[in-house]
Amino acid sequence: MKLKSIAAVLALSFLTVSCGILGTGNSASGSVNGQSSGAALKTLYGQYKTDGKVDLNNINNIIALAQLANGIQGLNGVDDKSQFYTDFAEGLILGSGNLVTEKTSSPVTGALKSLVGGTDLSSIMSAGVAAAAQSKKAQKAKAQTQETVGNVAGAISELSEKTAGVASTLSSLNSIFGLVK
């Protein structure tokens, strides 16, 4: 358990610094957003294959959901003929390590576009930011204290399958995972 916590902190720190996963998402490049979203999908799919569902008690899943929610923001309001959409789909293939293929990139991108266009993802992003902040706090202290574990657990417990946007997101992920199997 302690090793998983340390690994989660290190992985989050690496992703936060290298990708800005929980930043503002104002990238002008659809490819960058697609790569970030593809990496999040790959993480979520790997855990989904192991557990048969997206476990909301797993801090890595909360962070990956927030990464996905942040990455797909640029899809809101674009059409499938736009350059952003095309770049996003190409980035999605690359970021997912070919979990999403050229054949499935358009339907997956369409599902993600539909998700961001019709779902309030703010609760997912808030929980991800809270989890990331607590993980950074733990890393800075170089030890994950009981208080930090409690704070992260509190942030995660606020995010349930009934939270606004979460049910739609989980449903969309199940559809997407059906496309990439």
N, C-alpha and C. Protein backbone atom coordinates (compact mmCIF):
# COMPACT_ATOMS: atom_id res chain seq x y z
N MET A 1 0.84 -1.19 0.00
CA MET A 1 0.00 0.00 0.00
C MET A 1 0.87 1.24 0.00
N LYS A 2 1.91 1.24 0.86
CA LYS A 2 2.79 2.40 0.94
C LYS A 2 3.54 2.60 -0.38
N LEU A 3 3.98 1.49 -1.00
CA LEU A 3 4.67 1.60 -2.28
C LEU A 3 3.75 2.15 -3.36
N LYS A 4 2.46 1.73 -3.35
CA LYS A 4 1.51 2.27 -4.32
C LYS A 4 1.33 3.76 -4.12
N SER A 5 1.27 4.20 -2.88
CA SER A 5 1.10 5.62 -2.58
C SER A 5 2.30 6.41 -3.07
N ILE A 6 3.49 5.90 -2.80
CA ILE A 6 4.70 6.59 -3.24
C ILE A 6 4.76 6.61 -4.76
N ALA A 7 4.42 5.49 -5.40
CA ALA A 7 4.42 5.43 -6.87
C ALA A 7 3.41 6.42 -7.44
N ALA A 8 2.25 6.53 -6.81
CA ALA A 8 1.23 7.47 -7.29
C ALA A 8 1.72 8.90 -7.18
N VAL A 9 2.38 9.23 -6.08
CA VAL A 9 2.91 10.57 -5.89
C VAL A 9 3.97 10.88 -6.94
N LEU A 10 4.88 9.93 -7.15
CA LEU A 10 5.93 10.16 -8.15
C LEU A 10 5.36 10.28 -9.56
N ALA A 11 4.40 9.42 -9.89
CA ALA A 11 3.79 9.48 -11.22
C ALA A 11 3.06 10.79 -11.42
N LEU A 12 2.32 11.21 -10.41
CA LEU A 12 1.60 12.48 -10.50
C LEU A 12 2.56 13.64 -10.66
N SER A 13 3.62 13.63 -9.87
CA SER A 13 4.59 14.72 -9.96
C SER A 13 5.20 14.80 -11.34
N PHE A 14 5.56 13.64 -11.89
CA PHE A 14 6.13 13.61 -13.23
C PHE A 14 5.14 14.15 -14.26
N LEU A 15 3.89 13.66 -14.20
CA LEU A 15 2.88 14.09 -15.17
C LEU A 15 2.54 15.56 -15.01
N THR A 16 2.46 16.03 -13.76
CA THR A 16 2.11 17.42 -13.53
C THR A 16 3.18 18.34 -14.08
N VAL A 17 4.44 18.00 -13.85
CA VAL A 17 5.53 18.84 -14.32
C VAL A 17 5.70 18.73 -15.83
N SER A 18 5.70 17.50 -16.36
CA SER A 18 6.00 17.33 -17.77
C SER A 18 4.83 17.65 -18.69
N CYS A 19 3.60 17.43 -18.25
CA CYS A 19 2.45 17.61 -19.14
C CYS A 19 1.52 18.74 -18.70
N GLY A 20 1.69 19.22 -17.49
CA GLY A 20 0.76 20.22 -16.99
C GLY A 20 -0.66 19.68 -16.97
N ILE A 21 -0.85 18.45 -16.51
CA ILE A 21 -2.14 17.79 -16.67
C ILE A 21 -3.28 18.49 -15.99
N LEU A 22 -3.00 19.21 -14.96
CA LEU A 22 -4.11 19.85 -14.26
C LEU A 22 -4.05 21.36 -14.43
N GLY A 23 -3.46 21.79 -15.52
CA GLY A 23 -3.36 23.21 -15.82
C GLY A 23 -4.65 23.72 -16.43
N THR A 24 -4.54 24.83 -17.14
CA THR A 24 -5.74 25.46 -17.68
C THR A 24 -6.23 24.84 -18.96
N GLY A 25 -5.42 24.08 -19.64
CA GLY A 25 -5.85 23.42 -20.86
C GLY A 25 -6.01 24.37 -22.03
N ASN A 26 -5.30 25.50 -22.00
CA ASN A 26 -5.44 26.50 -23.05
C ASN A 26 -4.47 26.27 -24.20
N SER A 27 -4.02 25.08 -24.39
CA SER A 27 -3.10 24.79 -25.47
C SER A 27 -3.75 25.08 -26.81
N ALA A 28 -3.01 25.71 -27.68
CA ALA A 28 -3.52 26.00 -29.01
C ALA A 28 -3.46 24.78 -29.91
N SER A 29 -2.78 23.77 -29.48
CA SER A 29 -2.58 22.58 -30.31
C SER A 29 -3.50 21.44 -29.90
N GLY A 30 -4.30 20.99 -30.84
CA GLY A 30 -5.15 19.84 -30.58
C GLY A 30 -4.34 18.58 -30.33
N SER A 31 -3.16 18.50 -30.91
CA SER A 31 -2.30 17.33 -30.73
C SER A 31 -1.88 17.17 -29.28
N VAL A 32 -1.52 18.26 -28.63
CA VAL A 32 -1.11 18.22 -27.23
C VAL A 32 -2.28 17.77 -26.36
N ASN A 33 -3.44 18.33 -26.62
CA ASN A 33 -4.64 17.94 -25.87
C ASN A 33 -4.98 16.48 -26.13
N GLY A 34 -4.85 16.05 -27.37
CA GLY A 34 -5.13 14.66 -27.73
C GLY A 34 -4.17 13.70 -27.06
N GLN A 35 -2.87 14.06 -27.03
CA GLN A 35 -1.89 13.20 -26.39
C GLN A 35 -2.16 13.06 -24.90
N SER A 36 -2.49 14.16 -24.26
CA SER A 36 -2.81 14.13 -22.84
C SER A 36 -4.05 13.27 -22.59
N SER A 37 -5.06 13.44 -23.42
CA SER A 37 -6.29 12.65 -23.29
C SER A 37 -6.04 11.18 -23.57
N GLY A 38 -5.21 10.90 -24.58
CA GLY A 38 -4.88 9.52 -24.91
C GLY A 38 -4.14 8.82 -23.78
N ALA A 39 -3.20 9.54 -23.15
CA ALA A 39 -2.48 8.96 -22.02
C ALA A 39 -3.43 8.67 -20.86
N ALA A 40 -4.37 9.57 -20.63
CA ALA A 40 -5.36 9.36 -19.56
C ALA A 40 -6.25 8.15 -19.89
N LEU A 41 -6.69 8.05 -21.14
CA LEU A 41 -7.50 6.90 -21.54
C LEU A 41 -6.74 5.59 -21.36
N LYS A 42 -5.47 5.60 -21.71
CA LYS A 42 -4.64 4.39 -21.57
C LYS A 42 -4.55 3.98 -20.11
N THR A 43 -4.33 4.95 -19.23
CA THR A 43 -4.26 4.67 -17.79
C THR A 43 -5.59 4.12 -17.29
N LEU A 44 -6.68 4.77 -17.66
CA LEU A 44 -8.00 4.35 -17.21
C LEU A 44 -8.37 2.98 -17.78
N TYR A 45 -8.03 2.75 -19.03
CA TYR A 45 -8.36 1.47 -19.66
C TYR A 45 -7.58 0.32 -19.01
N GLY A 46 -6.32 0.56 -18.71
CA GLY A 46 -5.51 -0.48 -18.05
C GLY A 46 -6.12 -0.90 -16.72
N GLN A 47 -6.57 0.07 -15.95
CA GLN A 47 -7.19 -0.23 -14.67
C GLN A 47 -8.56 -0.86 -14.86
N TYR A 48 -9.28 -0.39 -15.87
CA TYR A 48 -10.60 -0.94 -16.20
C TYR A 48 -10.49 -2.42 -16.57
N LYS A 49 -9.49 -2.77 -17.35
CA LYS A 49 -9.29 -4.17 -17.74
C LYS A 49 -8.97 -5.03 -16.52
N THR A 50 -8.26 -4.48 -15.56
CA THR A 50 -7.89 -5.21 -14.36
C THR A 50 -9.09 -5.40 -13.42
N ASP A 51 -9.84 -4.31 -13.18
CA ASP A 51 -10.91 -4.33 -12.17
C ASP A 51 -12.32 -4.46 -12.74
N GLY A 52 -12.47 -4.30 -14.04
CA GLY A 52 -13.80 -4.39 -14.64
C GLY A 52 -14.62 -3.12 -14.50
N LYS A 53 -14.05 -2.09 -13.92
CA LYS A 53 -14.72 -0.79 -13.77
C LYS A 53 -13.66 0.27 -13.49
N VAL A 54 -14.05 1.52 -13.59
CA VAL A 54 -13.16 2.61 -13.22
C VAL A 54 -13.38 2.86 -11.73
N ASP A 55 -12.41 2.47 -10.92
CA ASP A 55 -12.49 2.55 -9.47
C ASP A 55 -12.24 3.98 -9.01
N LEU A 56 -13.27 4.61 -8.44
CA LEU A 56 -13.14 6.00 -7.99
C LEU A 56 -12.44 6.13 -6.64
N ASN A 57 -12.04 5.03 -6.05
CA ASN A 57 -11.26 5.08 -4.82
C ASN A 57 -9.76 5.06 -5.10
N ASN A 58 -9.40 4.94 -6.36
CA ASN A 58 -8.00 4.88 -6.78
C ASN A 58 -7.56 6.28 -7.18
N ILE A 59 -6.58 6.83 -6.45
CA ILE A 59 -6.13 8.21 -6.71
C ILE A 59 -5.61 8.37 -8.13
N ASN A 60 -4.98 7.34 -8.68
CA ASN A 60 -4.48 7.43 -10.05
C ASN A 60 -5.62 7.61 -11.04
N ASN A 61 -6.76 6.97 -10.77
CA ASN A 61 -7.92 7.13 -11.65
C ASN A 61 -8.51 8.53 -11.55
N ILE A 62 -8.54 9.08 -10.35
CA ILE A 62 -9.04 10.44 -10.17
C ILE A 62 -8.17 11.42 -10.94
N ILE A 63 -6.87 11.24 -10.84
CA ILE A 63 -5.94 12.11 -11.55
C ILE A 63 -6.08 11.92 -13.06
N ALA A 64 -6.22 10.68 -13.51
CA ALA A 64 -6.39 10.42 -14.95
C ALA A 64 -7.72 10.98 -15.46
N LEU A 65 -8.78 10.87 -14.67
CA LEU A 65 -10.07 11.46 -15.07
C LEU A 65 -9.94 12.98 -15.20
N ALA A 66 -9.23 13.60 -14.26
CA ALA A 66 -9.02 15.05 -14.34
C ALA A 66 -8.17 15.41 -15.56
N GLN A 67 -7.16 14.60 -15.84
CA GLN A 67 -6.32 14.81 -17.02
C GLN A 67 -7.17 14.71 -18.29
N LEU A 68 -8.04 13.72 -18.33
CA LEU A 68 -8.92 13.55 -19.48
C LEU A 68 -9.88 14.73 -19.61
N ALA A 69 -10.50 15.12 -18.50
CA ALA A 69 -11.45 16.24 -18.52
C ALA A 69 -10.76 17.52 -18.99
N ASN A 70 -9.54 17.74 -18.54
CA ASN A 70 -8.79 18.92 -18.95
C ASN A 70 -8.42 18.84 -20.43
N GLY A 71 -7.99 17.67 -20.87
CA GLY A 71 -7.54 17.50 -22.26
C GLY A 71 -8.63 17.67 -23.29
N ILE A 72 -9.86 17.30 -22.95
CA ILE A 72 -10.93 17.35 -23.94
C ILE A 72 -11.65 18.70 -24.00
N GLN A 73 -11.29 19.63 -23.14
CA GLN A 73 -11.96 20.93 -23.12
C GLN A 73 -11.94 21.63 -24.48
N GLY A 74 -10.84 21.50 -25.21
CA GLY A 74 -10.72 22.16 -26.51
C GLY A 74 -11.66 21.61 -27.57
N LEU A 75 -12.24 20.44 -27.34
CA LEU A 75 -13.17 19.85 -28.31
C LEU A 75 -14.54 20.51 -28.28
N ASN A 76 -14.82 21.23 -27.21
CA ASN A 76 -16.13 21.84 -27.07
C ASN A 76 -16.35 22.88 -28.18
N GLY A 77 -17.35 22.64 -28.99
CA GLY A 77 -17.71 23.60 -30.03
C GLY A 77 -16.97 23.47 -31.35
N VAL A 78 -16.09 22.48 -31.51
CA VAL A 78 -15.40 22.31 -32.79
C VAL A 78 -16.12 21.23 -33.60
N ASP A 79 -16.00 21.33 -34.92
CA ASP A 79 -16.62 20.28 -35.74
C ASP A 79 -15.56 19.28 -36.17
N ASP A 80 -16.02 18.14 -36.69
CA ASP A 80 -15.07 17.08 -37.03
C ASP A 80 -14.25 17.38 -38.27
N LYS A 81 -14.51 18.50 -38.92
CA LYS A 81 -13.71 18.89 -40.08
C LYS A 81 -12.65 19.93 -39.73
N SER A 82 -12.60 20.35 -38.47
CA SER A 82 -11.64 21.38 -38.06
C SER A 82 -10.25 20.79 -37.90
N GLN A 83 -9.25 21.63 -38.01
CA GLN A 83 -7.87 21.19 -37.83
C GLN A 83 -7.63 20.74 -36.40
N PHE A 84 -8.24 21.42 -35.42
CA PHE A 84 -8.07 21.04 -34.02
C PHE A 84 -8.55 19.60 -33.81
N TYR A 85 -9.71 19.26 -34.38
CA TYR A 85 -10.30 17.93 -34.24
C TYR A 85 -9.35 16.88 -34.83
N THR A 86 -8.82 17.16 -36.03
CA THR A 86 -7.90 16.24 -36.70
C THR A 86 -6.63 16.07 -35.88
N ASP A 87 -6.06 17.19 -35.41
CA ASP A 87 -4.85 17.12 -34.59
C ASP A 87 -5.10 16.39 -33.28
N PHE A 88 -6.28 16.62 -32.69
CA PHE A 88 -6.64 15.95 -31.45
C PHE A 88 -6.68 14.44 -31.67
N ALA A 89 -7.34 14.00 -32.74
CA ALA A 89 -7.45 12.57 -33.03
C ALA A 89 -6.08 11.94 -33.24
N GLU A 90 -5.19 12.63 -33.94
CA GLU A 90 -3.83 12.12 -34.14
C GLU A 90 -3.07 12.03 -32.82
N GLY A 91 -3.22 13.07 -31.97
CA GLY A 91 -2.59 13.06 -30.66
C GLY A 91 -3.14 11.96 -29.77
N LEU A 92 -4.43 11.68 -29.91
CA LEU A 92 -5.09 10.63 -29.13
C LEU A 92 -4.45 9.27 -29.42
N ILE A 93 -4.17 9.01 -30.68
CA ILE A 93 -3.52 7.75 -31.07
C ILE A 93 -2.14 7.66 -30.44
N LEU A 94 -1.38 8.73 -30.56
CA LEU A 94 -0.02 8.75 -30.03
C LEU A 94 -0.02 8.64 -28.50
N GLY A 95 -0.84 9.44 -27.85
CA GLY A 95 -0.88 9.46 -26.38
C GLY A 95 -1.36 8.16 -25.77
N SER A 96 -2.21 7.44 -26.50
CA SER A 96 -2.76 6.19 -25.97
C SER A 96 -1.85 5.00 -26.27
N GLY A 97 -0.75 5.25 -26.93
CA GLY A 97 0.14 4.14 -27.29
C GLY A 97 -0.54 3.17 -28.23
N ASN A 98 -1.35 3.70 -29.14
CA ASN A 98 -2.09 2.94 -30.14
C ASN A 98 -3.24 2.12 -29.57
N LEU A 99 -3.65 2.41 -28.33
CA LEU A 99 -4.88 1.82 -27.81
C LEU A 99 -6.04 2.32 -28.68
N VAL A 100 -6.03 3.62 -28.95
CA VAL A 100 -6.93 4.20 -29.94
C VAL A 100 -6.19 4.11 -31.26
N THR A 101 -6.84 3.57 -32.28
CA THR A 101 -6.19 3.39 -33.57
C THR A 101 -6.72 4.42 -34.56
N GLU A 102 -6.13 4.43 -35.74
CA GLU A 102 -6.62 5.33 -36.78
C GLU A 102 -8.09 5.04 -37.08
N LYS A 103 -8.46 3.78 -37.07
CA LYS A 103 -9.84 3.37 -37.36
C LYS A 103 -10.81 3.84 -36.27
N THR A 104 -10.38 3.80 -35.01
CA THR A 104 -11.28 4.16 -33.91
C THR A 104 -11.12 5.59 -33.43
N SER A 105 -10.14 6.32 -33.97
CA SER A 105 -9.88 7.67 -33.46
C SER A 105 -11.06 8.63 -33.68
N SER A 106 -11.73 8.52 -34.81
CA SER A 106 -12.85 9.42 -35.06
C SER A 106 -14.03 9.14 -34.13
N PRO A 107 -14.47 7.88 -33.97
CA PRO A 107 -15.58 7.65 -33.03
C PRO A 107 -15.22 7.96 -31.57
N VAL A 108 -13.97 7.67 -31.18
CA VAL A 108 -13.56 7.98 -29.80
C VAL A 108 -13.53 9.49 -29.61
N THR A 109 -12.96 10.21 -30.57
CA THR A 109 -12.93 11.67 -30.47
C THR A 109 -14.35 12.23 -30.44
N GLY A 110 -15.23 11.66 -31.26
CA GLY A 110 -16.63 12.09 -31.25
C GLY A 110 -17.29 11.86 -29.90
N ALA A 111 -17.00 10.72 -29.28
CA ALA A 111 -17.57 10.42 -27.95
C ALA A 111 -17.03 11.40 -26.91
N LEU A 112 -15.75 11.71 -27.00
CA LEU A 112 -15.16 12.67 -26.06
C LEU A 112 -15.72 14.07 -26.29
N LYS A 113 -15.91 14.42 -27.57
CA LYS A 113 -16.50 15.73 -27.90
C LYS A 113 -17.91 15.82 -27.34
N SER A 114 -18.68 14.77 -27.48
CA SER A 114 -20.03 14.72 -26.95
C SER A 114 -20.03 14.84 -25.44
N LEU A 115 -19.07 14.18 -24.80
CA LEU A 115 -18.96 14.23 -23.35
C LEU A 115 -18.68 15.65 -22.87
N VAL A 116 -17.70 16.31 -23.47
CA VAL A 116 -17.34 17.65 -23.02
C VAL A 116 -18.42 18.67 -23.38
N GLY A 117 -19.16 18.40 -24.45
CA GLY A 117 -20.20 19.34 -24.86
C GLY A 117 -21.45 19.28 -24.02
N GLY A 118 -21.73 18.15 -23.41
CA GLY A 118 -22.98 18.02 -22.69
C GLY A 118 -22.87 17.65 -21.23
N THR A 119 -21.68 17.71 -20.66
CA THR A 119 -21.49 17.25 -19.29
C THR A 119 -20.68 18.26 -18.49
N ASP A 120 -21.11 18.49 -17.26
CA ASP A 120 -20.35 19.34 -16.35
C ASP A 120 -19.23 18.50 -15.74
N LEU A 121 -18.01 18.78 -16.15
CA LEU A 121 -16.86 18.01 -15.69
C LEU A 121 -16.13 18.69 -14.54
N SER A 122 -16.71 19.77 -14.01
CA SER A 122 -16.02 20.54 -12.98
C SER A 122 -15.75 19.73 -11.71
N SER A 123 -16.66 18.84 -11.33
CA SER A 123 -16.44 18.05 -10.11
C SER A 123 -15.25 17.10 -10.28
N ILE A 124 -15.10 16.56 -11.48
CA ILE A 124 -13.97 15.68 -11.75
C ILE A 124 -12.67 16.47 -11.69
N MET A 125 -12.67 17.64 -12.31
CA MET A 125 -11.46 18.45 -12.33
C MET A 125 -11.12 18.93 -10.91
N SER A 126 -12.12 19.30 -10.12
CA SER A 126 -11.88 19.75 -8.74
C SER A 126 -11.27 18.63 -7.90
N ALA A 127 -11.82 17.43 -8.03
CA ALA A 127 -11.28 16.30 -7.27
C ALA A 127 -9.85 15.99 -7.70
N GLY A 128 -9.57 16.09 -8.99
CA GLY A 128 -8.21 15.86 -9.49
C GLY A 128 -7.23 16.89 -8.98
N VAL A 129 -7.65 18.15 -8.96
CA VAL A 129 -6.79 19.22 -8.44
C VAL A 129 -6.52 18.99 -6.96
N ALA A 130 -7.56 18.62 -6.20
CA ALA A 130 -7.38 18.36 -4.77
C ALA A 130 -6.44 17.19 -4.54
N ALA A 131 -6.61 16.12 -5.31
CA ALA A 131 -5.74 14.95 -5.17
C ALA A 131 -4.30 15.30 -5.54
N ALA A 132 -4.14 16.09 -6.61
CA ALA A 132 -2.80 16.48 -7.04
C ALA A 132 -2.13 17.37 -5.99
N ALA A 133 -2.90 18.30 -5.42
CA ALA A 133 -2.34 19.19 -4.40
C ALA A 133 -1.89 18.40 -3.18
N GLN A 134 -2.70 17.45 -2.76
CA GLN A 134 -2.33 16.64 -1.61
C GLN A 134 -1.12 15.76 -1.92
N SER A 135 -1.04 15.26 -3.14
CA SER A 135 0.10 14.44 -3.52
C SER A 135 1.37 15.27 -3.55
N LYS A 136 1.28 16.50 -4.05
CA LYS A 136 2.45 17.39 -4.05
C LYS A 136 2.88 17.68 -2.62
N LYS A 137 1.91 17.89 -1.75
CA LYS A 137 2.21 18.15 -0.34
C LYS A 137 2.95 16.96 0.26
N ALA A 138 2.50 15.78 -0.06
CA ALA A 138 3.13 14.57 0.46
C ALA A 138 4.55 14.41 -0.08
N GLN A 139 4.72 14.73 -1.35
CA GLN A 139 6.05 14.59 -1.94
C GLN A 139 7.00 15.60 -1.30
N LYS A 140 6.55 16.81 -1.11
CA LYS A 140 7.39 17.84 -0.52
C LYS A 140 7.84 17.42 0.87
N ALA A 141 6.98 16.79 1.61
CA ALA A 141 7.33 16.33 2.96
C ALA A 141 8.17 15.05 2.90
N LYS A 142 8.26 14.44 1.74
CA LYS A 142 9.01 13.20 1.49
C LYS A 142 8.46 12.02 2.29
N ALA A 143 7.25 12.17 2.74
CA ALA A 143 6.59 11.05 3.42
C ALA A 143 5.10 11.32 3.40
N GLN A 144 4.33 10.33 3.15
CA GLN A 144 2.90 10.52 3.08
C GLN A 144 2.34 10.33 4.50
N THR A 145 1.95 11.45 5.11
CA THR A 145 1.47 11.40 6.48
C THR A 145 0.02 10.97 6.53
N GLN A 146 -0.42 10.62 7.72
CA GLN A 146 -1.81 10.20 7.89
C GLN A 146 -2.76 11.34 7.53
N GLU A 147 -2.37 12.57 7.84
CA GLU A 147 -3.21 13.73 7.51
C GLU A 147 -3.39 13.84 5.99
N THR A 148 -2.30 13.67 5.24
CA THR A 148 -2.38 13.76 3.79
C THR A 148 -3.25 12.65 3.23
N VAL A 149 -3.08 11.45 3.75
CA VAL A 149 -3.91 10.33 3.30
C VAL A 149 -5.38 10.65 3.56
N GLY A 150 -5.67 11.20 4.73
CA GLY A 150 -7.04 11.57 5.06
C GLY A 150 -7.58 12.65 4.15
N ASN A 151 -6.76 13.65 3.82
CA ASN A 151 -7.21 14.71 2.92
C ASN A 151 -7.50 14.20 1.52
N VAL A 152 -6.63 13.34 1.01
CA VAL A 152 -6.85 12.75 -0.31
C VAL A 152 -8.10 11.89 -0.29
N ALA A 153 -8.25 11.08 0.76
CA ALA A 153 -9.45 10.24 0.87
C ALA A 153 -10.70 11.10 0.91
N GLY A 154 -10.62 12.24 1.59
CA GLY A 154 -11.77 13.15 1.64
C GLY A 154 -12.09 13.72 0.27
N ALA A 155 -11.07 14.11 -0.48
CA ALA A 155 -11.28 14.64 -1.83
C ALA A 155 -11.89 13.59 -2.73
N ILE A 156 -11.41 12.36 -2.61
CA ILE A 156 -11.92 11.28 -3.44
C ILE A 156 -13.34 10.91 -3.04
N SER A 157 -13.62 10.93 -1.73
CA SER A 157 -14.96 10.54 -1.29
C SER A 157 -16.03 11.51 -1.78
N GLU A 158 -15.64 12.76 -2.06
CA GLU A 158 -16.59 13.73 -2.60
C GLU A 158 -16.98 13.41 -4.04
N LEU A 159 -16.15 12.62 -4.69
CA LEU A 159 -16.40 12.26 -6.07
C LEU A 159 -16.98 10.85 -6.09
N SER A 160 -18.24 10.75 -6.38
CA SER A 160 -18.87 9.44 -6.44
C SER A 160 -19.54 9.29 -7.80
N GLU A 161 -20.06 8.13 -8.05
CA GLU A 161 -20.71 7.88 -9.33
C GLU A 161 -21.96 8.73 -9.51
N LYS A 162 -22.44 9.35 -8.44
CA LYS A 162 -23.64 10.18 -8.53
C LYS A 162 -23.31 11.66 -8.64
N THR A 163 -22.03 12.03 -8.53
CA THR A 163 -21.63 13.42 -8.63
C THR A 163 -21.90 13.93 -10.04
N ALA A 164 -22.27 15.20 -10.14
CA ALA A 164 -22.58 15.79 -11.45
C ALA A 164 -21.44 15.54 -12.43
N GLY A 165 -21.75 15.00 -13.55
CA GLY A 165 -20.76 14.76 -14.60
C GLY A 165 -20.06 13.43 -14.52
N VAL A 166 -20.01 12.83 -13.35
CA VAL A 166 -19.25 11.58 -13.20
C VAL A 166 -19.97 10.42 -13.86
N ALA A 167 -21.26 10.30 -13.65
CA ALA A 167 -22.01 9.19 -14.26
C ALA A 167 -21.92 9.23 -15.78
N SER A 168 -22.05 10.43 -16.35
CA SER A 168 -21.94 10.57 -17.81
C SER A 168 -20.54 10.22 -18.28
N THR A 169 -19.54 10.64 -17.52
CA THR A 169 -18.17 10.36 -17.90
C THR A 169 -17.90 8.86 -17.86
N LEU A 170 -18.34 8.20 -16.79
CA LEU A 170 -18.13 6.75 -16.69
C LEU A 170 -18.86 6.00 -17.79
N SER A 171 -20.06 6.44 -18.12
CA SER A 171 -20.82 5.83 -19.19
C SER A 171 -20.10 6.00 -20.53
N SER A 172 -19.60 7.21 -20.79
CA SER A 172 -18.86 7.47 -22.03
C SER A 172 -17.59 6.64 -22.09
N LEU A 173 -16.90 6.52 -20.95
CA LEU A 173 -15.68 5.71 -20.93
C LEU A 173 -15.99 4.25 -21.26
N ASN A 174 -17.08 3.72 -20.71
CA ASN A 174 -17.46 2.35 -21.04
C ASN A 174 -17.71 2.19 -22.54
N SER A 175 -18.35 3.18 -23.16
CA SER A 175 -18.59 3.15 -24.61
C SER A 175 -17.27 3.20 -25.37
N ILE A 176 -16.38 4.08 -24.93
CA ILE A 176 -15.07 4.24 -25.59
C ILE A 176 -14.27 2.95 -25.44
N PHE A 177 -14.27 2.37 -24.25
CA PHE A 177 -13.53 1.14 -24.03
C PHE A 177 -14.07 0.02 -24.91
N GLY A 178 -15.36 0.06 -25.21
CA GLY A 178 -15.95 -0.91 -26.13
C GLY A 178 -15.40 -0.75 -27.54
N LEU A 179 -15.03 0.47 -27.90
CA LEU A 179 -14.48 0.72 -29.24
C LEU A 179 -13.04 0.26 -29.37
N VAL A 180 -12.28 0.32 -28.26
CA VAL A 180 -10.84 0.05 -28.37
C VAL A 180 -10.47 -1.37 -27.99
N LYS A 181 -11.43 -2.19 -27.60
CA LYS A 181 -11.11 -3.57 -27.21
C LYS A 181 -10.55 -4.35 -28.37
